[in-house]
Amino acid sequence: MFTRYFSIGMVAMLIPYIYCCKGPEKEQNIVTQEEEVKPTLHSEDVVTLISDSGVTKYRINAKIWEVYDKTVSPYWYFPEKIFVEKFDSVYQAEASIAGDTAYFFSNEKLWRLVGNVEVFNQKHERFLTEELFWDQKKQKIYSDKFIRIETIEYILEGYGFISDESMSDYQILNTNAIIYVNDEVDKTNTINNDTIGNDK
């Protein structure tokens, strides 16, 4: 297992592109595609603690972690599943996020998780979607895809989602269904173009 500890801020993600210059006078600036796609760091079986201003904020578990910091827009790439925990001020996990693939970049401080994205908050509410963005500058988590939220009392399904980083204050922007799971009476409802949030 490769374990590495960093005290750096989180990074955000963009798709890298190739910068090429023509002409003999600019030969030293040419970057080939082969050189561009090589990671500057490749690690396997990673457990990483991420700190901000000396305070541990996140723990990352990943099968593979690649860093591309020589691209125009530096990013981290997790191609084979990732699990991230976010800690509160007393080091208790207040939210966890997992996905099949993740990207994560320095300039925009934006995560993008893709494929079987699963989130839990402190109330053990479960959030399921196929794509999720985490904007650390705005301290928001959001998606425009289909999302399913499972709580003790009900299940919410719909499209479009926004939440704070702890996943404790959230809304589904367009709710399709509310399914009550703890009632003898069938209260399954279909709702269109409605905004549903959690009870605080």
N, C-alpha and C. Protein backbone atom coordinates (compact mmCIF):
# COMPACT_ATOMS: atom_id res chain seq x y z
N MET A 1 0.86 -1.20 0.00
CA MET A 1 0.00 0.00 0.00
C MET A 1 0.89 1.24 0.00
N PHE A 2 0.53 2.17 -0.82
CA PHE A 2 1.25 3.43 -0.87
C PHE A 2 0.46 4.46 -0.09
N THR A 3 1.07 5.01 0.95
CA THR A 3 0.36 6.00 1.77
C THR A 3 1.15 7.29 1.75
N ARG A 4 0.47 8.39 1.45
CA ARG A 4 1.14 9.67 1.35
C ARG A 4 0.28 10.74 2.00
N TYR A 5 0.87 11.60 2.78
CA TYR A 5 0.13 12.63 3.47
C TYR A 5 0.52 13.99 2.91
N PHE A 6 -0.46 14.79 2.61
CA PHE A 6 -0.24 16.10 2.02
C PHE A 6 -0.90 17.16 2.86
N SER A 7 -0.30 18.34 2.95
CA SER A 7 -0.94 19.50 3.56
C SER A 7 -1.11 20.56 2.49
N ILE A 8 -2.03 20.32 1.62
CA ILE A 8 -2.28 21.24 0.52
C ILE A 8 -3.76 21.43 0.37
N GLY A 9 -4.20 22.47 -0.33
CA GLY A 9 -5.62 22.68 -0.59
C GLY A 9 -6.09 21.73 -1.66
N MET A 10 -7.41 21.57 -1.75
CA MET A 10 -7.94 20.67 -2.76
C MET A 10 -7.79 21.32 -4.12
N VAL A 11 -7.76 20.46 -5.13
CA VAL A 11 -7.59 20.99 -6.46
C VAL A 11 -8.80 20.71 -7.30
N ALA A 12 -8.98 21.43 -8.41
CA ALA A 12 -10.17 21.29 -9.23
C ALA A 12 -9.81 20.74 -10.58
N MET A 13 -10.80 20.44 -11.42
CA MET A 13 -10.52 19.67 -12.58
C MET A 13 -11.01 20.25 -13.88
N LEU A 14 -10.14 20.12 -14.91
CA LEU A 14 -10.53 20.46 -16.28
C LEU A 14 -9.91 19.42 -17.20
N ILE A 15 -10.41 19.33 -18.44
CA ILE A 15 -9.85 18.39 -19.39
C ILE A 15 -8.59 19.01 -19.98
N PRO A 16 -7.45 18.29 -19.93
CA PRO A 16 -6.22 18.86 -20.47
C PRO A 16 -6.25 18.91 -21.99
N TYR A 17 -5.47 19.82 -22.57
CA TYR A 17 -5.33 19.85 -24.02
C TYR A 17 -3.87 20.05 -24.38
N ILE A 18 -3.56 19.85 -25.65
CA ILE A 18 -2.18 19.88 -26.13
C ILE A 18 -1.85 21.28 -26.63
N TYR A 19 -0.71 21.79 -26.21
CA TYR A 19 -0.28 23.10 -26.66
C TYR A 19 0.87 22.90 -27.63
N CYS A 20 0.68 23.26 -28.87
CA CYS A 20 1.70 23.06 -29.90
C CYS A 20 2.02 24.39 -30.58
N CYS A 21 3.26 24.61 -30.85
CA CYS A 21 3.70 25.81 -31.56
C CYS A 21 4.47 25.40 -32.81
N LYS A 22 4.24 26.09 -33.90
CA LYS A 22 4.90 25.77 -35.15
C LYS A 22 6.06 26.73 -35.37
N GLY A 23 7.00 26.26 -36.20
CA GLY A 23 8.13 27.12 -36.57
C GLY A 23 9.37 26.76 -35.79
N PRO A 24 10.53 26.83 -36.41
CA PRO A 24 11.78 26.44 -35.75
C PRO A 24 12.12 27.32 -34.57
N GLU A 25 11.66 28.60 -34.59
CA GLU A 25 12.00 29.50 -33.49
C GLU A 25 11.29 29.13 -32.20
N LYS A 26 10.28 28.24 -32.25
CA LYS A 26 9.53 27.86 -31.06
C LYS A 26 9.66 26.38 -30.76
N GLU A 27 10.69 25.75 -31.25
CA GLU A 27 10.85 24.30 -31.06
C GLU A 27 10.90 23.91 -29.59
N GLN A 28 11.49 24.77 -28.75
CA GLN A 28 11.65 24.43 -27.35
C GLN A 28 10.32 24.40 -26.60
N ASN A 29 9.27 25.00 -27.17
CA ASN A 29 7.99 25.07 -26.49
C ASN A 29 7.02 23.98 -26.90
N ILE A 30 7.40 23.14 -27.86
CA ILE A 30 6.50 22.12 -28.36
C ILE A 30 6.29 21.04 -27.31
N VAL A 31 5.03 20.69 -27.05
CA VAL A 31 4.68 19.60 -26.15
C VAL A 31 3.89 18.58 -26.96
N THR A 32 4.39 17.37 -27.07
CA THR A 32 3.73 16.34 -27.85
C THR A 32 2.62 15.72 -27.03
N GLN A 33 1.69 15.05 -27.73
CA GLN A 33 0.59 14.40 -27.04
C GLN A 33 1.10 13.32 -26.11
N GLU A 34 2.12 12.58 -26.53
CA GLU A 34 2.66 11.51 -25.70
C GLU A 34 3.20 12.07 -24.39
N GLU A 35 3.91 13.22 -24.46
CA GLU A 35 4.45 13.83 -23.26
C GLU A 35 3.33 14.40 -22.38
N GLU A 36 2.29 14.93 -23.02
CA GLU A 36 1.21 15.60 -22.29
C GLU A 36 0.43 14.64 -21.39
N VAL A 37 0.20 13.42 -21.85
CA VAL A 37 -0.67 12.53 -21.12
C VAL A 37 0.06 11.71 -20.06
N LYS A 38 1.35 11.85 -19.94
CA LYS A 38 2.07 11.10 -18.92
C LYS A 38 1.86 11.72 -17.54
N PRO A 39 1.42 10.94 -16.57
CA PRO A 39 1.26 11.49 -15.21
C PRO A 39 2.61 11.76 -14.56
N THR A 40 2.68 12.81 -13.76
CA THR A 40 3.89 13.09 -13.00
C THR A 40 3.96 12.26 -11.72
N LEU A 41 2.81 11.68 -11.33
CA LEU A 41 2.76 10.78 -10.18
C LEU A 41 1.74 9.70 -10.45
N HIS A 42 2.11 8.46 -10.21
CA HIS A 42 1.19 7.33 -10.31
C HIS A 42 1.31 6.53 -9.03
N SER A 43 0.22 6.40 -8.28
CA SER A 43 0.23 5.67 -7.02
C SER A 43 -0.92 4.67 -7.01
N GLU A 44 -0.74 3.58 -6.29
CA GLU A 44 -1.76 2.55 -6.17
C GLU A 44 -2.06 2.26 -4.71
N ASP A 45 -3.31 1.86 -4.44
CA ASP A 45 -3.76 1.57 -3.08
C ASP A 45 -3.46 2.74 -2.15
N VAL A 46 -4.04 3.87 -2.45
CA VAL A 46 -3.71 5.13 -1.79
C VAL A 46 -4.67 5.42 -0.64
N VAL A 47 -4.12 5.85 0.48
CA VAL A 47 -4.89 6.44 1.58
C VAL A 47 -4.22 7.77 1.88
N THR A 48 -4.92 8.86 1.61
CA THR A 48 -4.33 10.19 1.69
C THR A 48 -5.16 11.12 2.55
N LEU A 49 -4.52 11.81 3.48
CA LEU A 49 -5.18 12.84 4.27
C LEU A 49 -4.89 14.19 3.65
N ILE A 50 -5.94 15.01 3.49
CA ILE A 50 -5.79 16.34 2.90
C ILE A 50 -6.10 17.38 3.97
N SER A 51 -5.19 18.34 4.14
CA SER A 51 -5.36 19.38 5.14
C SER A 51 -5.53 20.74 4.50
N ASP A 52 -6.20 21.62 5.23
CA ASP A 52 -6.37 23.00 4.82
C ASP A 52 -6.05 23.88 6.01
N SER A 53 -5.06 24.77 5.87
CA SER A 53 -4.62 25.64 6.97
C SER A 53 -4.25 24.83 8.21
N GLY A 54 -3.62 23.69 7.98
CA GLY A 54 -3.16 22.87 9.09
C GLY A 54 -4.21 21.98 9.72
N VAL A 55 -5.43 22.01 9.20
CA VAL A 55 -6.52 21.21 9.76
C VAL A 55 -6.90 20.12 8.76
N THR A 56 -6.94 18.88 9.22
CA THR A 56 -7.31 17.77 8.35
C THR A 56 -8.78 17.87 7.98
N LYS A 57 -9.06 17.93 6.67
CA LYS A 57 -10.42 18.11 6.20
C LYS A 57 -10.97 16.89 5.46
N TYR A 58 -10.09 16.11 4.82
CA TYR A 58 -10.56 15.04 3.95
C TYR A 58 -9.64 13.83 4.06
N ARG A 59 -10.21 12.67 3.80
CA ARG A 59 -9.43 11.45 3.63
C ARG A 59 -9.86 10.80 2.33
N ILE A 60 -8.88 10.43 1.50
CA ILE A 60 -9.14 9.83 0.19
C ILE A 60 -8.61 8.41 0.18
N ASN A 61 -9.45 7.48 -0.25
CA ASN A 61 -9.04 6.10 -0.52
C ASN A 61 -9.27 5.83 -2.00
N ALA A 62 -8.24 5.35 -2.67
CA ALA A 62 -8.37 5.10 -4.11
C ALA A 62 -7.46 3.96 -4.53
N LYS A 63 -7.92 3.20 -5.51
CA LYS A 63 -7.11 2.12 -6.07
C LYS A 63 -5.95 2.68 -6.87
N ILE A 64 -6.22 3.69 -7.69
CA ILE A 64 -5.18 4.31 -8.51
C ILE A 64 -5.34 5.83 -8.43
N TRP A 65 -4.24 6.52 -8.27
CA TRP A 65 -4.23 7.99 -8.23
C TRP A 65 -3.13 8.48 -9.16
N GLU A 66 -3.51 9.30 -10.13
CA GLU A 66 -2.54 9.88 -11.05
C GLU A 66 -2.62 11.40 -10.99
N VAL A 67 -1.46 12.03 -10.97
CA VAL A 67 -1.38 13.49 -10.92
C VAL A 67 -0.82 14.00 -12.24
N TYR A 68 -1.53 14.94 -12.86
CA TYR A 68 -1.10 15.58 -14.10
C TYR A 68 -0.92 17.07 -13.80
N ASP A 69 0.27 17.45 -13.32
CA ASP A 69 0.49 18.85 -12.97
C ASP A 69 1.35 19.60 -13.97
N LYS A 70 1.63 18.97 -15.11
CA LYS A 70 2.38 19.64 -16.17
C LYS A 70 1.48 20.06 -17.32
N THR A 71 0.19 19.87 -17.17
CA THR A 71 -0.77 20.27 -18.19
C THR A 71 -1.13 21.74 -18.02
N VAL A 72 -1.82 22.27 -19.01
CA VAL A 72 -2.26 23.66 -18.93
C VAL A 72 -3.18 23.86 -17.73
N SER A 73 -4.05 22.89 -17.48
CA SER A 73 -4.93 22.92 -16.31
C SER A 73 -4.66 21.67 -15.47
N PRO A 74 -3.83 21.77 -14.44
CA PRO A 74 -3.44 20.59 -13.65
C PRO A 74 -4.65 19.91 -13.00
N TYR A 75 -4.57 18.59 -12.91
CA TYR A 75 -5.66 17.83 -12.31
C TYR A 75 -5.17 16.51 -11.76
N TRP A 76 -5.99 15.92 -10.88
CA TRP A 76 -5.77 14.57 -10.39
C TRP A 76 -6.81 13.67 -11.04
N TYR A 77 -6.45 12.41 -11.24
CA TYR A 77 -7.33 11.46 -11.93
C TYR A 77 -7.38 10.16 -11.14
N PHE A 78 -8.59 9.71 -10.85
CA PHE A 78 -8.83 8.47 -10.12
C PHE A 78 -9.67 7.56 -11.03
N PRO A 79 -9.05 6.68 -11.82
CA PRO A 79 -9.79 5.91 -12.83
C PRO A 79 -10.53 4.69 -12.29
N GLU A 80 -10.14 4.18 -11.12
CA GLU A 80 -10.73 2.93 -10.63
C GLU A 80 -11.27 3.07 -9.21
N LYS A 81 -12.34 3.78 -9.10
CA LYS A 81 -13.08 3.95 -7.84
C LYS A 81 -12.33 4.85 -6.85
N ILE A 82 -13.15 5.61 -6.12
CA ILE A 82 -12.61 6.52 -5.11
C ILE A 82 -13.61 6.64 -3.98
N PHE A 83 -13.10 6.84 -2.77
CA PHE A 83 -13.93 7.06 -1.59
C PHE A 83 -13.34 8.25 -0.85
N VAL A 84 -14.17 9.28 -0.62
CA VAL A 84 -13.72 10.51 0.05
C VAL A 84 -14.57 10.74 1.28
N GLU A 85 -13.92 11.01 2.41
CA GLU A 85 -14.63 11.40 3.62
C GLU A 85 -14.31 12.86 3.93
N LYS A 86 -15.33 13.62 4.33
CA LYS A 86 -15.15 15.00 4.75
C LYS A 86 -15.35 15.09 6.26
N PHE A 87 -14.37 15.71 6.95
CA PHE A 87 -14.41 15.79 8.40
C PHE A 87 -14.88 17.15 8.87
N ASP A 88 -15.55 17.17 10.04
CA ASP A 88 -15.92 18.45 10.65
C ASP A 88 -14.78 18.93 11.54
N SER A 89 -15.03 19.96 12.35
CA SER A 89 -13.97 20.58 13.15
C SER A 89 -13.44 19.69 14.26
N VAL A 90 -14.19 18.64 14.63
CA VAL A 90 -13.71 17.71 15.67
C VAL A 90 -13.37 16.36 15.06
N TYR A 91 -13.07 16.35 13.77
CA TYR A 91 -12.59 15.18 13.04
C TYR A 91 -13.61 14.05 12.97
N GLN A 92 -14.89 14.38 13.01
CA GLN A 92 -15.94 13.41 12.77
C GLN A 92 -16.35 13.49 11.30
N ALA A 93 -16.54 12.33 10.68
CA ALA A 93 -16.93 12.31 9.27
C ALA A 93 -18.37 12.83 9.15
N GLU A 94 -18.55 13.94 8.41
CA GLU A 94 -19.89 14.50 8.24
C GLU A 94 -20.49 14.16 6.89
N ALA A 95 -19.68 13.64 5.98
CA ALA A 95 -20.19 13.19 4.69
C ALA A 95 -19.15 12.30 4.03
N SER A 96 -19.62 11.37 3.19
CA SER A 96 -18.71 10.54 2.41
C SER A 96 -19.24 10.47 0.98
N ILE A 97 -18.32 10.40 0.03
CA ILE A 97 -18.67 10.35 -1.38
C ILE A 97 -17.84 9.26 -2.04
N ALA A 98 -18.49 8.43 -2.85
CA ALA A 98 -17.79 7.37 -3.58
C ALA A 98 -18.26 7.39 -5.03
N GLY A 99 -17.37 6.96 -5.94
CA GLY A 99 -17.72 6.89 -7.35
C GLY A 99 -16.76 6.01 -8.11
N ASP A 100 -17.15 5.65 -9.34
CA ASP A 100 -16.30 4.80 -10.16
C ASP A 100 -15.07 5.54 -10.67
N THR A 101 -15.25 6.80 -11.03
CA THR A 101 -14.17 7.61 -11.60
C THR A 101 -14.27 9.02 -11.04
N ALA A 102 -13.11 9.67 -10.83
CA ALA A 102 -13.14 11.04 -10.33
C ALA A 102 -12.01 11.86 -10.93
N TYR A 103 -12.28 13.14 -11.08
CA TYR A 103 -11.29 14.13 -11.50
C TYR A 103 -11.31 15.26 -10.46
N PHE A 104 -10.15 15.94 -10.34
CA PHE A 104 -10.03 16.78 -9.18
C PHE A 104 -8.86 17.76 -9.38
N PHE A 105 -9.14 19.14 -9.52
CA PHE A 105 -8.18 20.09 -10.12
C PHE A 105 -7.86 21.34 -9.30
N SER A 106 -6.69 21.93 -9.53
CA SER A 106 -6.20 22.98 -8.64
C SER A 106 -6.77 24.36 -8.90
N ASN A 107 -6.94 24.75 -10.11
CA ASN A 107 -7.33 26.12 -10.42
C ASN A 107 -8.79 26.43 -10.06
N GLU A 108 -9.69 25.57 -10.42
CA GLU A 108 -11.12 25.79 -10.17
C GLU A 108 -11.60 25.20 -8.85
N LYS A 109 -10.80 24.33 -8.25
CA LYS A 109 -11.19 23.62 -7.03
C LYS A 109 -12.55 22.93 -7.21
N LEU A 110 -12.60 22.12 -8.23
CA LEU A 110 -13.84 21.44 -8.60
C LEU A 110 -13.62 19.95 -8.76
N TRP A 111 -14.43 19.16 -8.06
CA TRP A 111 -14.47 17.71 -8.24
C TRP A 111 -15.52 17.37 -9.28
N ARG A 112 -15.28 16.29 -10.01
CA ARG A 112 -16.31 15.67 -10.83
C ARG A 112 -16.23 14.16 -10.61
N LEU A 113 -17.30 13.57 -10.11
CA LEU A 113 -17.38 12.13 -9.91
C LEU A 113 -18.37 11.56 -10.90
N VAL A 114 -18.01 10.41 -11.51
CA VAL A 114 -18.81 9.83 -12.58
C VAL A 114 -18.98 8.34 -12.34
N GLY A 115 -20.21 7.85 -12.48
CA GLY A 115 -20.48 6.42 -12.43
C GLY A 115 -20.75 5.90 -11.04
N ASN A 116 -21.98 5.45 -10.77
CA ASN A 116 -22.35 4.86 -9.48
C ASN A 116 -21.92 5.73 -8.30
N VAL A 117 -22.25 7.01 -8.38
CA VAL A 117 -21.89 7.94 -7.30
C VAL A 117 -22.83 7.71 -6.12
N GLU A 118 -22.24 7.55 -4.95
CA GLU A 118 -22.99 7.27 -3.73
C GLU A 118 -22.50 8.19 -2.62
N VAL A 119 -23.43 8.88 -1.96
CA VAL A 119 -23.09 9.84 -0.90
C VAL A 119 -23.89 9.50 0.35
N PHE A 120 -23.24 9.61 1.51
CA PHE A 120 -23.92 9.47 2.79
C PHE A 120 -23.65 10.72 3.63
N ASN A 121 -24.65 11.17 4.40
CA ASN A 121 -24.43 12.25 5.34
C ASN A 121 -24.49 11.72 6.76
N GLN A 122 -24.41 12.63 7.76
CA GLN A 122 -24.37 12.20 9.16
C GLN A 122 -25.66 11.52 9.60
N LYS A 123 -26.77 11.81 8.92
CA LYS A 123 -28.05 11.19 9.26
C LYS A 123 -28.24 9.86 8.54
N HIS A 124 -27.18 9.39 7.88
CA HIS A 124 -27.20 8.12 7.15
C HIS A 124 -28.19 8.15 5.99
N GLU A 125 -28.47 9.32 5.49
CA GLU A 125 -29.26 9.43 4.27
C GLU A 125 -28.35 9.10 3.08
N ARG A 126 -28.90 8.41 2.12
CA ARG A 126 -28.13 7.90 0.99
C ARG A 126 -28.55 8.61 -0.29
N PHE A 127 -27.56 9.08 -1.06
CA PHE A 127 -27.79 9.80 -2.30
C PHE A 127 -27.14 9.02 -3.44
N LEU A 128 -27.91 8.75 -4.49
CA LEU A 128 -27.41 7.96 -5.62
C LEU A 128 -27.61 8.73 -6.92
N THR A 129 -26.56 8.83 -7.73
CA THR A 129 -26.66 9.49 -9.03
C THR A 129 -25.52 8.98 -9.90
N GLU A 130 -25.50 9.39 -11.17
CA GLU A 130 -24.46 8.95 -12.10
C GLU A 130 -23.37 10.00 -12.31
N GLU A 131 -23.63 11.24 -11.86
CA GLU A 131 -22.62 12.29 -12.00
C GLU A 131 -22.84 13.34 -10.93
N LEU A 132 -21.75 13.78 -10.31
CA LEU A 132 -21.86 14.75 -9.23
C LEU A 132 -20.67 15.71 -9.30
N PHE A 133 -20.94 16.98 -9.06
CA PHE A 133 -19.89 18.00 -9.01
C PHE A 133 -19.79 18.56 -7.59
N TRP A 134 -18.58 18.85 -7.18
CA TRP A 134 -18.33 19.39 -5.85
C TRP A 134 -17.47 20.64 -6.01
N ASP A 135 -18.08 21.80 -5.86
CA ASP A 135 -17.40 23.08 -6.01
C ASP A 135 -16.95 23.55 -4.63
N GLN A 136 -15.65 23.47 -4.39
CA GLN A 136 -15.14 23.82 -3.06
C GLN A 136 -15.06 25.32 -2.85
N LYS A 137 -14.94 26.08 -3.92
CA LYS A 137 -14.94 27.53 -3.77
C LYS A 137 -16.29 28.03 -3.27
N LYS A 138 -17.37 27.48 -3.82
CA LYS A 138 -18.72 27.87 -3.42
C LYS A 138 -19.27 27.00 -2.30
N GLN A 139 -18.51 25.95 -1.94
CA GLN A 139 -18.93 25.01 -0.90
C GLN A 139 -20.29 24.40 -1.22
N LYS A 140 -20.43 23.96 -2.47
CA LYS A 140 -21.67 23.38 -2.95
C LYS A 140 -21.40 22.04 -3.63
N ILE A 141 -22.36 21.13 -3.52
CA ILE A 141 -22.37 19.88 -4.25
C ILE A 141 -23.63 19.87 -5.11
N TYR A 142 -23.51 19.49 -6.38
CA TYR A 142 -24.67 19.59 -7.26
C TYR A 142 -24.59 18.60 -8.41
N SER A 143 -25.75 18.39 -9.05
CA SER A 143 -25.84 17.53 -10.23
C SER A 143 -27.06 17.93 -11.02
N ASP A 144 -27.02 17.73 -12.34
CA ASP A 144 -28.23 17.94 -13.16
C ASP A 144 -28.79 16.61 -13.65
N LYS A 145 -28.25 15.49 -13.13
CA LYS A 145 -28.70 14.15 -13.52
C LYS A 145 -29.82 13.65 -12.60
N PHE A 146 -30.32 12.48 -12.94
CA PHE A 146 -31.30 11.80 -12.08
C PHE A 146 -30.66 11.51 -10.73
N ILE A 147 -31.40 11.74 -9.65
CA ILE A 147 -30.88 11.46 -8.31
C ILE A 147 -31.95 10.78 -7.47
N ARG A 148 -31.51 9.90 -6.62
CA ARG A 148 -32.39 9.18 -5.69
C ARG A 148 -31.85 9.41 -4.28
N ILE A 149 -32.72 9.86 -3.38
CA ILE A 149 -32.34 10.10 -2.00
C ILE A 149 -33.15 9.17 -1.11
N GLU A 150 -32.46 8.35 -0.32
CA GLU A 150 -33.12 7.38 0.56
C GLU A 150 -32.94 7.83 2.01
N THR A 151 -34.05 8.08 2.70
CA THR A 151 -34.04 8.42 4.11
C THR A 151 -34.82 7.36 4.88
N ILE A 152 -34.88 7.52 6.19
CA ILE A 152 -35.62 6.56 7.01
C ILE A 152 -37.10 6.60 6.69
N GLU A 153 -37.64 7.78 6.40
CA GLU A 153 -39.07 7.97 6.23
C GLU A 153 -39.55 7.86 4.79
N TYR A 154 -38.70 8.25 3.83
CA TYR A 154 -39.17 8.30 2.46
C TYR A 154 -38.01 8.21 1.47
N ILE A 155 -38.36 8.01 0.20
CA ILE A 155 -37.41 8.02 -0.90
C ILE A 155 -37.82 9.14 -1.85
N LEU A 156 -36.88 9.98 -2.22
CA LEU A 156 -37.12 11.06 -3.19
C LEU A 156 -36.41 10.72 -4.50
N GLU A 157 -37.06 10.97 -5.61
CA GLU A 157 -36.44 10.78 -6.92
C GLU A 157 -36.73 11.99 -7.80
N GLY A 158 -35.74 12.38 -8.58
CA GLY A 158 -35.95 13.51 -9.47
C GLY A 158 -34.70 13.86 -10.24
N TYR A 159 -34.71 15.04 -10.85
CA TYR A 159 -33.59 15.52 -11.66
C TYR A 159 -33.14 16.89 -11.16
N GLY A 160 -31.84 17.04 -11.06
CA GLY A 160 -31.28 18.30 -10.58
C GLY A 160 -31.19 18.31 -9.07
N PHE A 161 -30.01 18.65 -8.55
CA PHE A 161 -29.78 18.53 -7.13
C PHE A 161 -28.73 19.55 -6.71
N ILE A 162 -28.92 20.17 -5.53
CA ILE A 162 -27.92 21.08 -4.98
C ILE A 162 -27.89 20.92 -3.47
N SER A 163 -26.69 21.00 -2.88
CA SER A 163 -26.54 20.78 -1.45
C SER A 163 -25.33 21.54 -0.93
N ASP A 164 -25.28 21.71 0.40
CA ASP A 164 -24.06 22.19 1.02
C ASP A 164 -23.06 21.02 1.08
N GLU A 165 -21.83 21.29 1.55
CA GLU A 165 -20.79 20.26 1.53
C GLU A 165 -21.05 19.12 2.50
N SER A 166 -21.80 19.37 3.55
CA SER A 166 -22.08 18.31 4.52
C SER A 166 -23.27 17.46 4.11
N MET A 167 -23.94 17.82 3.02
CA MET A 167 -25.13 17.12 2.52
C MET A 167 -26.26 17.14 3.54
N SER A 168 -26.29 18.18 4.37
CA SER A 168 -27.35 18.30 5.37
C SER A 168 -28.44 19.27 4.95
N ASP A 169 -28.15 20.16 4.02
CA ASP A 169 -29.12 21.14 3.53
C ASP A 169 -29.18 21.00 2.01
N TYR A 170 -30.18 20.29 1.51
CA TYR A 170 -30.20 19.93 0.09
C TYR A 170 -31.58 20.11 -0.52
N GLN A 171 -31.60 20.14 -1.85
CA GLN A 171 -32.85 20.25 -2.60
C GLN A 171 -32.76 19.43 -3.88
N ILE A 172 -33.86 18.79 -4.23
CA ILE A 172 -34.04 18.25 -5.58
C ILE A 172 -34.83 19.29 -6.36
N LEU A 173 -34.32 19.69 -7.50
CA LEU A 173 -34.92 20.80 -8.23
C LEU A 173 -36.18 20.40 -8.97
N ASN A 174 -36.23 19.19 -9.51
CA ASN A 174 -37.41 18.70 -10.22
C ASN A 174 -37.73 17.30 -9.71
N THR A 175 -38.66 17.21 -8.79
CA THR A 175 -38.98 15.94 -8.14
C THR A 175 -40.01 15.16 -8.96
N ASN A 176 -39.74 13.88 -9.19
CA ASN A 176 -40.67 13.01 -9.90
C ASN A 176 -41.53 12.19 -8.96
N ALA A 177 -40.97 11.78 -7.81
CA ALA A 177 -41.72 10.88 -6.93
C ALA A 177 -41.26 11.01 -5.49
N ILE A 178 -42.21 10.85 -4.58
CA ILE A 178 -41.92 10.69 -3.16
C ILE A 178 -42.55 9.37 -2.73
N ILE A 179 -41.73 8.48 -2.20
CA ILE A 179 -42.21 7.16 -1.78
C ILE A 179 -42.02 7.05 -0.27
N TYR A 180 -43.12 6.97 0.48
CA TYR A 180 -43.04 6.84 1.93
C TYR A 180 -42.82 5.37 2.28
N VAL A 181 -41.82 5.12 3.10
CA VAL A 181 -41.43 3.73 3.36
C VAL A 181 -41.82 3.26 4.76
N ASN A 182 -42.23 4.16 5.64
CA ASN A 182 -42.58 3.79 7.01
C ASN A 182 -44.03 4.08 7.33
N ASP A 183 -44.91 3.74 6.41
CA ASP A 183 -46.33 3.98 6.64
C ASP A 183 -47.11 2.81 6.03
N GLU A 184 -48.13 2.34 6.76
CA GLU A 184 -48.93 1.23 6.26
C GLU A 184 -49.72 1.63 5.03
N VAL A 185 -50.02 2.93 4.90
CA VAL A 185 -50.78 3.41 3.76
C VAL A 185 -49.82 3.75 2.63
N ASP A 186 -50.17 3.32 1.43
CA ASP A 186 -49.35 3.63 0.27
C ASP A 186 -49.50 5.11 -0.07
N LYS A 187 -48.42 5.86 0.14
CA LYS A 187 -48.46 7.30 -0.11
C LYS A 187 -47.57 7.68 -1.30
N THR A 188 -47.33 6.77 -2.19
CA THR A 188 -46.49 7.05 -3.35
C THR A 188 -47.12 8.15 -4.19
N ASN A 189 -46.38 9.20 -4.41
CA ASN A 189 -46.87 10.35 -5.16
C ASN A 189 -45.99 10.59 -6.38
N THR A 190 -46.58 11.13 -7.41
CA THR A 190 -45.82 11.58 -8.56
C THR A 190 -45.97 13.09 -8.65
N ILE A 191 -44.84 13.78 -8.66
CA ILE A 191 -44.84 15.23 -8.66
C ILE A 191 -43.95 15.72 -9.79
N ASN A 192 -44.41 16.68 -10.56
CA ASN A 192 -43.64 17.22 -11.67
C ASN A 192 -43.26 18.67 -11.39
N ASN A 193 -42.01 19.02 -11.81
CA ASN A 193 -41.54 20.40 -11.75
C ASN A 193 -41.71 21.01 -10.36
N ASP A 194 -41.33 20.28 -9.34
CA ASP A 194 -41.42 20.76 -7.98
C ASP A 194 -40.03 20.79 -7.38
N THR A 195 -39.84 21.63 -6.37
CA THR A 195 -38.57 21.71 -5.66
C THR A 195 -38.77 21.18 -4.27
N ILE A 196 -38.05 20.11 -3.94
CA ILE A 196 -38.20 19.46 -2.65
C ILE A 196 -36.86 19.53 -1.90
N GLY A 197 -36.90 19.94 -0.63
CA GLY A 197 -35.69 19.97 0.17
C GLY A 197 -35.90 19.17 1.44
N ASN A 198 -34.81 19.00 2.19
CA ASN A 198 -34.91 18.26 3.44
C ASN A 198 -35.49 19.15 4.52
N ASP A 199 -36.07 18.52 5.53
CA ASP A 199 -36.55 19.26 6.71
C ASP A 199 -35.40 19.48 7.65
N LYS A 200 -35.17 20.73 7.99
CA LYS A 200 -34.03 21.05 8.85
C LYS A 200 -34.44 21.01 10.31
